[in-house]
Amino acid sequence: MAVLVEIHVPMTDDIEWIDDIGDYLIDLEDELGLEEYDDGEQYGDVYIFFIAGASERTLLAAASRVATRKGVPAGAFAMVTTTDAPQFGMGRRVNLPVGSRIGS
């Protein structure tokens, strides 16, 4: 069992940010020593990215960096859980900062 952070991002009509975040997570793997634990997926009105392989602090720092990227919809949050959790969305919710947005 290891710490897992889920990054929940509200879905929008424009979904280009999904691929951008996926590419950015590859960069963060190299920079911070984390790993994308599973493929991201849409669940209801959010898209969830899964990261693990580092300390909770490092994973939350990475989630914050994702949330503040240009083009990422406002309202992203993280769930701190474990790799053996029976389902996603269970754990401790952590609000993430809001970054610059398109047009702002």
PDB file of N, CA and C in Angstrom:
ATOM      1  N   MET A   1       0.846  -1.178   0.000  1.00  0.00           N
ATOM      2  CA  MET A   1       0.000   0.000   0.000  1.00  0.00           C
ATOM      3  C   MET A   1       0.892   1.243   0.000  1.00  0.00           C
ATOM      4  N   ALA A   2       0.557   2.185  -0.861  1.00  0.00           N
ATOM      5  CA  ALA A   2       1.309   3.433  -0.976  1.00  0.00           C
ATOM      6  C   ALA A   2       0.333   4.599  -1.092  1.00  0.00           C
ATOM      7  N   VAL A   3       0.833   5.795  -0.843  1.00  0.00           N
ATOM      8  CA  VAL A   3       0.006   7.000  -0.982  1.00  0.00           C
ATOM      9  C   VAL A   3      -0.329   7.203  -2.456  1.00  0.00           C
ATOM     10  N   LEU A   4      -1.566   7.543  -2.695  1.00  0.00           N
ATOM     11  CA  LEU A   4      -2.059   7.847  -4.038  1.00  0.00           C
ATOM     12  C   LEU A   4      -2.794   9.170  -3.958  1.00  0.00           C
ATOM     13  N   VAL A   5      -2.526  10.050  -4.902  1.00  0.00           N
ATOM     14  CA  VAL A   5      -3.274  11.304  -4.990  1.00  0.00           C
ATOM     15  C   VAL A   5      -4.053  11.291  -6.297  1.00  0.00           C
ATOM     16  N   GLU A   6      -5.341  11.518  -6.164  1.00  0.00           N
ATOM     17  CA  GLU A   6      -6.214  11.662  -7.328  1.00  0.00           C
ATOM     18  C   GLU A   6      -6.377  13.150  -7.583  1.00  0.00           C
ATOM     19  N   ILE A   7      -6.199  13.568  -8.828  1.00  0.00           N
ATOM     20  CA  ILE A   7      -6.418  14.956  -9.198  1.00  0.00           C
ATOM     21  C   ILE A   7      -7.744  15.002  -9.958  1.00  0.00           C
ATOM     22  N   HIS A   8      -8.743  15.634  -9.350  1.00  0.00           N
ATOM     23  CA  HIS A   8     -10.081  15.743  -9.934  1.00  0.00           C
ATOM     24  C   HIS A   8     -10.212  17.103 -10.605  1.00  0.00           C
ATOM     25  N   VAL A   9     -10.474  17.102 -11.908  1.00  0.00           N
ATOM     26  CA  VAL A   9     -10.594  18.346 -12.672  1.00  0.00           C
ATOM     27  C   VAL A   9     -11.987  18.386 -13.302  1.00  0.00           C
ATOM     28  N   PRO A  10     -12.731  19.480 -13.079  1.00  0.00           N
ATOM     29  CA  PRO A  10     -14.073  19.582 -13.669  1.00  0.00           C
ATOM     30  C   PRO A  10     -14.029  19.493 -15.194  1.00  0.00           C
ATOM     31  N   MET A  11     -14.943  18.723 -15.758  1.00  0.00           N
ATOM     32  CA  MET A  11     -15.034  18.602 -17.210  1.00  0.00           C
ATOM     33  C   MET A  11     -15.591  19.891 -17.815  1.00  0.00           C
ATOM     34  N   THR A  12     -15.115  20.194 -19.006  1.00  0.00           N
ATOM     35  CA  THR A  12     -15.609  21.339 -19.767  1.00  0.00           C
ATOM     36  C   THR A  12     -15.840  20.882 -21.201  1.00  0.00           C
ATOM     37  N   ASP A  13     -16.479  21.743 -21.992  1.00  0.00           N
ATOM     38  CA  ASP A  13     -16.691  21.410 -23.406  1.00  0.00           C
ATOM     39  C   ASP A  13     -15.373  21.302 -24.155  1.00  0.00           C
ATOM     40  N   ASP A  14     -14.418  22.158 -23.799  1.00  0.00           N
ATOM     41  CA  ASP A  14     -13.087  22.133 -24.409  1.00  0.00           C
ATOM     42  C   ASP A  14     -12.214  21.221 -23.549  1.00  0.00           C
ATOM     43  N   ILE A  15     -11.774  20.110 -24.125  1.00  0.00           N
ATOM     44  CA  ILE A  15     -11.029  19.120 -23.324  1.00  0.00           C
ATOM     45  C   ILE A  15      -9.556  19.001 -23.714  1.00  0.00           C
ATOM     46  N   GLU A  16      -9.024  20.021 -24.404  1.00  0.00           N
ATOM     47  CA  GLU A  16      -7.604  19.981 -24.786  1.00  0.00           C
ATOM     48  C   GLU A  16      -6.698  19.858 -23.572  1.00  0.00           C
ATOM     49  N   TRP A  17      -7.134  20.346 -22.425  1.00  0.00           N
ATOM     50  CA  TRP A  17      -6.326  20.312 -21.213  1.00  0.00           C
ATOM     51  C   TRP A  17      -6.049  18.886 -20.746  1.00  0.00           C
ATOM     52  N   ILE A  18      -6.864  17.930 -21.138  1.00  0.00           N
ATOM     53  CA  ILE A  18      -6.639  16.543 -20.703  1.00  0.00           C
ATOM     54  C   ILE A  18      -5.304  16.035 -21.240  1.00  0.00           C
ATOM     55  N   ASP A  19      -5.073  16.206 -22.539  1.00  0.00           N
ATOM     56  CA  ASP A  19      -3.801  15.768 -23.124  1.00  0.00           C
ATOM     57  C   ASP A  19      -2.635  16.579 -22.581  1.00  0.00           C
ATOM     58  N   ASP A  20      -2.860  17.884 -22.372  1.00  0.00           N
ATOM     59  CA  ASP A  20      -1.811  18.733 -21.822  1.00  0.00           C
ATOM     60  C   ASP A  20      -1.383  18.239 -20.439  1.00  0.00           C
ATOM     61  N   ILE A  21      -2.353  17.932 -19.597  1.00  0.00           N
ATOM     62  CA  ILE A  21      -2.014  17.421 -18.264  1.00  0.00           C
ATOM     63  C   ILE A  21      -1.294  16.085 -18.371  1.00  0.00           C
ATOM     64  N   GLY A  22      -1.763  15.209 -19.253  1.00  0.00           N
ATOM     65  CA  GLY A  22      -1.091  13.924 -19.436  1.00  0.00           C
ATOM     66  C   GLY A  22       0.368  14.087 -19.807  1.00  0.00           C
ATOM     67  N   ASP A  23       0.652  14.996 -20.733  1.00  0.00           N
ATOM     68  CA  ASP A  23       2.038  15.267 -21.130  1.00  0.00           C
ATOM     69  C   ASP A  23       2.822  15.882 -19.977  1.00  0.00           C
ATOM     70  N   TYR A  24       2.190  16.783 -19.241  1.00  0.00           N
ATOM     71  CA  TYR A  24       2.855  17.445 -18.121  1.00  0.00           C
ATOM     72  C   TYR A  24       3.204  16.443 -17.017  1.00  0.00           C
ATOM     73  N   LEU A  25       2.339  15.471 -16.796  1.00  0.00           N
ATOM     74  CA  LEU A  25       2.627  14.459 -15.774  1.00  0.00           C
ATOM     75  C   LEU A  25       3.879  13.651 -16.126  1.00  0.00           C
ATOM     76  N   ILE A  26       4.122  13.446 -17.410  1.00  0.00           N
ATOM     77  CA  ILE A  26       5.351  12.766 -17.827  1.00  0.00           C
ATOM     78  C   ILE A  26       6.565  13.601 -17.422  1.00  0.00           C
ATOM     79  N   ASP A  27       6.479  14.916 -17.630  1.00  0.00           N
ATOM     80  CA  ASP A  27       7.565  15.806 -17.202  1.00  0.00           C
ATOM     81  C   ASP A  27       7.753  15.748 -15.684  1.00  0.00           C
ATOM     82  N   LEU A  28       6.650  15.718 -14.945  1.00  0.00           N
ATOM     83  CA  LEU A  28       6.739  15.683 -13.480  1.00  0.00           C
ATOM     84  C   LEU A  28       7.296  14.351 -12.977  1.00  0.00           C
ATOM     85  N   GLU A  29       7.051  13.281 -13.726  1.00  0.00           N
ATOM     86  CA  GLU A  29       7.633  11.988 -13.354  1.00  0.00           C
ATOM     87  C   GLU A  29       9.149  12.107 -13.295  1.00  0.00           C
ATOM     88  N   ASP A  30       9.718  12.703 -14.328  1.00  0.00           N
ATOM     89  CA  ASP A  30      11.172  12.871 -14.383  1.00  0.00           C
ATOM     90  C   ASP A  30      11.664  13.853 -13.330  1.00  0.00           C
ATOM     91  N   GLU A  31      10.964  14.967 -13.190  1.00  0.00           N
ATOM     92  CA  GLU A  31      11.415  16.033 -12.291  1.00  0.00           C
ATOM     93  C   GLU A  31      11.247  15.682 -10.811  1.00  0.00           C
ATOM     94  N   LEU A  32      10.112  15.085 -10.450  1.00  0.00           N
ATOM     95  CA  LEU A  32       9.792  14.867  -9.036  1.00  0.00           C
ATOM     96  C   LEU A  32       9.885  13.410  -8.592  1.00  0.00           C
ATOM     97  N   GLY A  33      10.103  12.504  -9.531  1.00  0.00           N
ATOM     98  CA  GLY A  33      10.221  11.096  -9.170  1.00  0.00           C
ATOM     99  C   GLY A  33       8.906  10.432  -8.814  1.00  0.00           C
ATOM    100  N   LEU A  34       7.813  10.949  -9.359  1.00  0.00           N
ATOM    101  CA  LEU A  34       6.519  10.317  -9.113  1.00  0.00           C
ATOM    102  C   LEU A  34       6.151   9.476 -10.321  1.00  0.00           C
ATOM    103  N   GLU A  35       5.030   8.809 -10.245  1.00  0.00           N
ATOM    104  CA  GLU A  35       4.569   8.019 -11.387  1.00  0.00           C
ATOM    105  C   GLU A  35       3.074   8.216 -11.574  1.00  0.00           C
ATOM    106  N   GLU A  36       2.662   8.192 -12.829  1.00  0.00           N
ATOM    107  CA  GLU A  36       1.234   8.182 -13.103  1.00  0.00           C
ATOM    108  C   GLU A  36       0.780   6.767 -12.787  1.00  0.00           C
ATOM    109  N   TYR A  37      -0.057   6.629 -11.779  1.00  0.00           N
ATOM    110  CA  TYR A  37      -0.406   5.314 -11.253  1.00  0.00           C
ATOM    111  C   TYR A  37      -1.319   4.537 -12.203  1.00  0.00           C
ATOM    112  N   ASP A  38      -2.210   5.228 -12.851  1.00  0.00           N
ATOM    113  CA  ASP A  38      -3.168   4.593 -13.752  1.00  0.00           C
ATOM    114  C   ASP A  38      -3.549   5.624 -14.804  1.00  0.00           C
ATOM    115  N   ASP A  39      -4.146   5.172 -15.873  1.00  0.00           N
ATOM    116  CA  ASP A  39      -4.623   6.107 -16.887  1.00  0.00           C
ATOM    117  C   ASP A  39      -5.732   6.969 -16.293  1.00  0.00           C
ATOM    118  N   GLY A  40      -5.756   8.229 -16.689  1.00  0.00           N
ATOM    119  CA  GLY A  40      -6.839   9.100 -16.260  1.00  0.00           C
ATOM    120  C   GLY A  40      -8.147   8.644 -16.877  1.00  0.00           C
ATOM    121  N   GLU A  41      -9.242   9.055 -16.230  1.00  0.00           N
ATOM    122  CA  GLU A  41     -10.546   8.696 -16.772  1.00  0.00           C
ATOM    123  C   GLU A  41     -11.612   9.674 -16.322  1.00  0.00           C
ATOM    124  N   GLN A  42     -12.646   9.789 -17.164  1.00  0.00           N
ATOM    125  CA  GLN A  42     -13.771  10.633 -16.804  1.00  0.00           C
ATOM    126  C   GLN A  42     -14.661   9.863 -15.845  1.00  0.00           C
ATOM    127  N   TYR A  43     -15.101  10.553 -14.797  1.00  0.00           N
ATOM    128  CA  TYR A  43     -16.022   9.967 -13.835  1.00  0.00           C
ATOM    129  C   TYR A  43     -17.054  11.039 -13.510  1.00  0.00           C
ATOM    130  N   GLY A  44     -18.242  10.888 -14.055  1.00  0.00           N
ATOM    131  CA  GLY A  44     -19.269  11.904 -13.859  1.00  0.00           C
ATOM    132  C   GLY A  44     -18.840  13.215 -14.484  1.00  0.00           C
ATOM    133  N   ASP A  45     -18.849  14.275 -13.683  1.00  0.00           N
ATOM    134  CA  ASP A  45     -18.527  15.607 -14.210  1.00  0.00           C
ATOM    135  C   ASP A  45     -17.083  16.022 -13.957  1.00  0.00           C
ATOM    136  N   VAL A  46     -16.214  15.049 -13.644  1.00  0.00           N
ATOM    137  CA  VAL A  46     -14.790  15.341 -13.466  1.00  0.00           C
ATOM    138  C   VAL A  46     -13.945  14.356 -14.274  1.00  0.00           C
ATOM    139  N   TYR A  47     -12.714  14.767 -14.532  1.00  0.00           N
ATOM    140  CA  TYR A  47     -11.716  13.875 -15.112  1.00  0.00           C
ATOM    141  C   TYR A  47     -10.682  13.667 -14.026  1.00  0.00           C
ATOM    142  N   ILE A  48     -10.297  12.416 -13.795  1.00  0.00           N
ATOM    143  CA  ILE A  48      -9.403  12.096 -12.682  1.00  0.00           C
ATOM    144  C   ILE A  48      -8.070  11.574 -13.206  1.00  0.00           C
ATOM    145  N   PHE A  49      -6.990  12.164 -12.679  1.00  0.00           N
ATOM    146  CA  PHE A  49      -5.628  11.706 -12.924  1.00  0.00           C
ATOM    147  C   PHE A  49      -5.114  11.082 -11.631  1.00  0.00           C
ATOM    148  N   PHE A  50      -4.320  10.017 -11.731  1.00  0.00           N
ATOM    149  CA  PHE A  50      -3.848   9.282 -10.565  1.00  0.00           C
ATOM    150  C   PHE A  50      -2.320   9.328 -10.513  1.00  0.00           C
ATOM    151  N   ILE A  51      -1.761   9.810  -9.401  1.00  0.00           N
ATOM    152  CA  ILE A  51      -0.307   9.849  -9.254  1.00  0.00           C
ATOM    153  C   ILE A  51       0.099   9.209  -7.929  1.00  0.00           C
ATOM    154  N   ALA A  52       1.249   8.558  -7.942  1.00  0.00           N
ATOM    155  CA  ALA A  52       1.767   7.866  -6.761  1.00  0.00           C
ATOM    156  C   ALA A  52       3.289   7.806  -6.885  1.00  0.00           C
ATOM    157  N   GLY A  53       3.925   7.027  -6.025  1.00  0.00           N
ATOM    158  CA  GLY A  53       5.356   6.783  -6.148  1.00  0.00           C
ATOM    159  C   GLY A  53       6.244   7.810  -5.474  1.00  0.00           C
ATOM    160  N   ALA A  54       5.651   8.729  -4.699  1.00  0.00           N
ATOM    161  CA  ALA A  54       6.428   9.748  -3.996  1.00  0.00           C
ATOM    162  C   ALA A  54       5.711  10.045  -2.681  1.00  0.00           C
ATOM    163  N   SER A  55       6.277  10.940  -1.899  1.00  0.00           N
ATOM    164  CA  SER A  55       5.652  11.312  -0.626  1.00  0.00           C
ATOM    165  C   SER A  55       4.357  12.074  -0.878  1.00  0.00           C
ATOM    166  N   GLU A  56       3.499  12.102   0.122  1.00  0.00           N
ATOM    167  CA  GLU A  56       2.249  12.852   0.009  1.00  0.00           C
ATOM    168  C   GLU A  56       2.537  14.317  -0.318  1.00  0.00           C
ATOM    169  N   ARG A  57       3.527  14.875   0.331  1.00  0.00           N
ATOM    170  CA  ARG A  57       3.868  16.275   0.095  1.00  0.00           C
ATOM    171  C   ARG A  57       4.253  16.520  -1.363  1.00  0.00           C
ATOM    172  N   THR A  58       5.079  15.646  -1.920  1.00  0.00           N
ATOM    173  CA  THR A  58       5.504  15.777  -3.313  1.00  0.00           C
ATOM    174  C   THR A  58       4.323  15.601  -4.262  1.00  0.00           C
ATOM    175  N   LEU A  59       3.471  14.628  -3.979  1.00  0.00           N
ATOM    176  CA  LEU A  59       2.308  14.385  -4.831  1.00  0.00           C
ATOM    177  C   LEU A  59       1.346  15.569  -4.807  1.00  0.00           C
ATOM    178  N   LEU A  60       1.138  16.159  -3.630  1.00  0.00           N
ATOM    179  CA  LEU A  60       0.248  17.324  -3.552  1.00  0.00           C
ATOM    180  C   LEU A  60       0.874  18.543  -4.221  1.00  0.00           C
ATOM    181  N   ALA A  61       2.188  18.672  -4.147  1.00  0.00           N
ATOM    182  CA  ALA A  61       2.864  19.765  -4.862  1.00  0.00           C
ATOM    183  C   ALA A  61       2.664  19.593  -6.365  1.00  0.00           C
ATOM    184  N   ALA A  62       2.774  18.367  -6.847  1.00  0.00           N
ATOM    185  CA  ALA A  62       2.553  18.100  -8.273  1.00  0.00           C
ATOM    186  C   ALA A  62       1.106  18.399  -8.653  1.00  0.00           C
ATOM    187  N   ALA A  63       0.158  17.994  -7.820  1.00  0.00           N
ATOM    188  CA  ALA A  63      -1.257  18.262  -8.084  1.00  0.00           C
ATOM    189  C   ALA A  63      -1.517  19.760  -8.145  1.00  0.00           C
ATOM    190  N   SER A  64      -0.881  20.515  -7.265  1.00  0.00           N
ATOM    191  CA  SER A  64      -1.025  21.977  -7.271  1.00  0.00           C
ATOM    192  C   SER A  64      -0.483  22.573  -8.559  1.00  0.00           C
ATOM    193  N   ARG A  65       0.634  22.049  -9.014  1.00  0.00           N
ATOM    194  CA  ARG A  65       1.215  22.541 -10.261  1.00  0.00           C
ATOM    195  C   ARG A  65       0.305  22.235 -11.447  1.00  0.00           C
ATOM    196  N   VAL A  66      -0.324  21.067 -11.433  1.00  0.00           N
ATOM    197  CA  VAL A  66      -1.271  20.718 -12.489  1.00  0.00           C
ATOM    198  C   VAL A  66      -2.449  21.690 -12.468  1.00  0.00           C
ATOM    199  N   ALA A  67      -2.996  21.934 -11.283  1.00  0.00           N
ATOM    200  CA  ALA A  67      -4.187  22.776 -11.150  1.00  0.00           C
ATOM    201  C   ALA A  67      -3.947  24.214 -11.580  1.00  0.00           C
ATOM    202  N   THR A  68      -2.703  24.672 -11.501  1.00  0.00           N
ATOM    203  CA  THR A  68      -2.421  26.069 -11.839  1.00  0.00           C
ATOM    204  C   THR A  68      -1.931  26.255 -13.269  1.00  0.00           C
ATOM    205  N   ARG A  69      -1.903  25.176 -14.049  1.00  0.00           N
ATOM    206  CA  ARG A  69      -1.494  25.312 -15.451  1.00  0.00           C
ATOM    207  C   ARG A  69      -2.544  26.090 -16.230  1.00  0.00           C
ATOM    208  N   LYS A  70      -2.066  26.893 -17.165  1.00  0.00           N
ATOM    209  CA  LYS A  70      -2.973  27.652 -18.030  1.00  0.00           C
ATOM    210  C   LYS A  70      -3.871  26.677 -18.791  1.00  0.00           C
ATOM    211  N   GLY A  71      -5.155  26.992 -18.815  1.00  0.00           N
ATOM    212  CA  GLY A  71      -6.116  26.176 -19.547  1.00  0.00           C
ATOM    213  C   GLY A  71      -6.791  25.106 -18.718  1.00  0.00           C
ATOM    214  N   VAL A  72      -6.297  24.841 -17.520  1.00  0.00           N
ATOM    215  CA  VAL A  72      -6.935  23.835 -16.656  1.00  0.00           C
ATOM    216  C   VAL A  72      -8.146  24.486 -15.990  1.00  0.00           C
ATOM    217  N   PRO A  73      -9.317  23.856 -16.099  1.00  0.00           N
ATOM    218  CA  PRO A  73     -10.525  24.452 -15.514  1.00  0.00           C
ATOM    219  C   PRO A  73     -10.385  24.705 -14.009  1.00  0.00           C
ATOM    220  N   ALA A  74     -10.971  25.804 -13.554  1.00  0.00           N
ATOM    221  CA  ALA A  74     -10.985  26.121 -12.122  1.00  0.00           C
ATOM    222  C   ALA A  74     -11.800  25.070 -11.379  1.00  0.00           C
ATOM    223  N   GLY A  75     -11.456  24.877 -10.117  1.00  0.00           N
ATOM    224  CA  GLY A  75     -12.221  23.951  -9.279  1.00  0.00           C
ATOM    225  C   GLY A  75     -11.577  22.596  -9.094  1.00  0.00           C
ATOM    226  N   ALA A  76     -10.351  22.439  -9.569  1.00  0.00           N
ATOM    227  CA  ALA A  76      -9.664  21.154  -9.381  1.00  0.00           C
ATOM    228  C   ALA A  76      -9.379  20.939  -7.892  1.00  0.00           C
ATOM    229  N   PHE A  77      -9.425  19.687  -7.478  1.00  0.00           N
ATOM    230  CA  PHE A  77      -9.088  19.332  -6.108  1.00  0.00           C
ATOM    231  C   PHE A  77      -8.412  17.974  -6.106  1.00  0.00           C
ATOM    232  N   ALA A  78      -7.764  17.651  -4.999  1.00  0.00           N
ATOM    233  CA  ALA A  78      -7.079  16.370  -4.875  1.00  0.00           C
ATOM    234  C   ALA A  78      -7.764  15.525  -3.803  1.00  0.00           C
ATOM    235  N   MET A  79      -7.653  14.233  -3.963  1.00  0.00           N
ATOM    236  CA  MET A  79      -8.070  13.285  -2.929  1.00  0.00           C
ATOM    237  C   MET A  79      -6.833  12.483  -2.561  1.00  0.00           C
ATOM    238  N   VAL A  80      -6.492  12.495  -1.271  1.00  0.00           N
ATOM    239  CA  VAL A  80      -5.356  11.715  -0.790  1.00  0.00           C
ATOM    240  C   VAL A  80      -5.904  10.389  -0.301  1.00  0.00           C
ATOM    241  N   THR A  81      -5.405   9.317  -0.876  1.00  0.00           N
ATOM    242  CA  THR A  81      -5.891   7.983  -0.556  1.00  0.00           C
ATOM    243  C   THR A  81      -4.712   7.015  -0.645  1.00  0.00           C
ATOM    244  N   THR A  82      -4.972   5.753  -0.859  1.00  0.00           N
ATOM    245  CA  THR A  82      -3.907   4.754  -0.991  1.00  0.00           C
ATOM    246  C   THR A  82      -4.135   3.919  -2.240  1.00  0.00           C
ATOM    247  N   THR A  83      -3.085   3.269  -2.665  1.00  0.00           N
ATOM    248  CA  THR A  83      -3.157   2.455  -3.884  1.00  0.00           C
ATOM    249  C   THR A  83      -4.071   1.250  -3.727  1.00  0.00           C
ATOM    250  N   ASP A  84      -4.410   0.884  -2.494  1.00  0.00           N
ATOM    251  CA  ASP A  84      -5.294  -0.269  -2.310  1.00  0.00           C
ATOM    252  C   ASP A  84      -6.719   0.141  -1.931  1.00  0.00           C
ATOM    253  N   ALA A  85      -7.069   1.412  -2.131  1.00  0.00           N
ATOM    254  CA  ALA A  85      -8.434   1.876  -1.846  1.00  0.00           C
ATOM    255  C   ALA A  85      -9.412   1.115  -2.745  1.00  0.00           C
ATOM    256  N   PRO A  86     -10.571   0.755  -2.213  1.00  0.00           N
ATOM    257  CA  PRO A  86     -11.529  -0.042  -2.993  1.00  0.00           C
ATOM    258  C   PRO A  86     -12.146   0.701  -4.177  1.00  0.00           C
ATOM    259  N   GLN A  87     -12.174   2.022  -4.124  1.00  0.00           N
ATOM    260  CA  GLN A  87     -12.679   2.812  -5.245  1.00  0.00           C
ATOM    261  C   GLN A  87     -12.097   4.203  -5.157  1.00  0.00           C
ATOM    262  N   PHE A  88     -12.163   4.947  -6.272  1.00  0.00           N
ATOM    263  CA  PHE A  88     -11.622   6.295  -6.204  1.00  0.00           C
ATOM    264  C   PHE A  88     -12.656   7.250  -5.644  1.00  0.00           C
ATOM    265  N   GLY A  89     -12.167   8.435  -5.270  1.00  0.00           N
ATOM    266  CA  GLY A  89     -13.040   9.429  -4.671  1.00  0.00           C
ATOM    267  C   GLY A  89     -13.193   9.273  -3.168  1.00  0.00           C
ATOM    268  N   MET A  90     -12.473   8.327  -2.605  1.00  0.00           N
ATOM    269  CA  MET A  90     -12.529   8.092  -1.166  1.00  0.00           C
ATOM    270  C   MET A  90     -11.202   8.536  -0.573  1.00  0.00           C
ATOM    271  N   GLY A  91     -11.242   9.290   0.487  1.00  0.00           N
ATOM    272  CA  GLY A  91     -10.016   9.755   1.100  1.00  0.00           C
ATOM    273  C   GLY A  91     -10.187  11.163   1.611  1.00  0.00           C
ATOM    274  N   ARG A  92      -9.082  11.823   1.815  1.00  0.00           N
ATOM    275  CA  ARG A  92      -9.085  13.190   2.341  1.00  0.00           C
ATOM    276  C   ARG A  92      -9.014  14.175   1.188  1.00  0.00           C
ATOM    277  N   ARG A  93      -9.996  15.079   1.141  1.00  0.00           N
ATOM    278  CA  ARG A  93     -10.037  16.081   0.072  1.00  0.00           C
ATOM    279  C   ARG A  93      -9.090  17.232   0.401  1.00  0.00           C
ATOM    280  N   VAL A  94      -8.340  17.677  -0.616  1.00  0.00           N
ATOM    281  CA  VAL A  94      -7.434  18.814  -0.484  1.00  0.00           C
ATOM    282  C   VAL A  94      -7.749  19.773  -1.628  1.00  0.00           C
ATOM    283  N   ASN A  95      -8.156  20.993  -1.279  1.00  0.00           N
ATOM    284  CA  ASN A  95      -8.406  22.006  -2.305  1.00  0.00           C
ATOM    285  C   ASN A  95      -7.073  22.438  -2.901  1.00  0.00           C
ATOM    286  N   LEU A  96      -7.064  22.654  -4.196  1.00  0.00           N
ATOM    287  CA  LEU A  96      -5.855  23.056  -4.903  1.00  0.00           C
ATOM    288  C   LEU A  96      -5.971  24.511  -5.316  1.00  0.00           C
ATOM    289  N   PRO A  97      -4.838  25.199  -5.468  1.00  0.00           N
ATOM    290  CA  PRO A  97      -4.881  26.607  -5.865  1.00  0.00           C
ATOM    291  C   PRO A  97      -5.422  26.765  -7.280  1.00  0.00           C
ATOM    292  N   VAL A  98      -5.911  27.959  -7.546  1.00  0.00           N
ATOM    293  CA  VAL A  98      -6.398  28.301  -8.878  1.00  0.00           C
ATOM    294  C   VAL A  98      -5.311  29.122  -9.558  1.00  0.00           C
ATOM    295  N   GLY A  99      -4.952  28.729 -10.774  1.00  0.00           N
ATOM    296  CA  GLY A  99      -3.896  29.441 -11.496  1.00  0.00           C
ATOM    297  C   GLY A  99      -4.461  30.369 -12.534  1.00  0.00           C
ATOM    298  N   SER A 100      -3.596  30.784 -13.424  1.00  0.00           N
ATOM    299  CA  SER A 100      -4.023  31.659 -14.510  1.00  0.00           C
ATOM    300  C   SER A 100      -4.906  30.862 -15.458  1.00  0.00           C
ATOM    301  N   ARG A 101      -5.843  31.509 -16.019  1.00  0.00           N
ATOM    302  CA  ARG A 101      -6.805  30.862 -16.918  1.00  0.00           C
ATOM    303  C   ARG A 101      -6.716  31.490 -18.303  1.00  0.00           C
ATOM    304  N   ILE A 102      -7.245  30.778 -19.260  1.00  0.00           N
ATOM    305  CA  ILE A 102      -7.296  31.310 -20.619  1.00  0.00           C
ATOM    306  C   ILE A 102      -8.083  32.619 -20.576  1.00  0.00           C
ATOM    307  N   GLY A 103      -7.538  33.640 -21.177  1.00  0.00           N
ATOM    308  CA  GLY A 103      -8.231  34.909 -21.236  1.00  0.00           C
ATOM    309  C   GLY A 103      -8.094  35.751 -19.977  1.00  0.00           C
ATOM    310  N   SER A 104      -7.337  35.279 -18.981  1.00  0.00           N
ATOM    311  CA  SER A 104      -7.192  36.101 -17.777  1.00  0.00           C
ATOM    312  C   SER A 104      -5.808  36.656 -17.655  1.00  0.00           C
TER     313      SER A 104
END
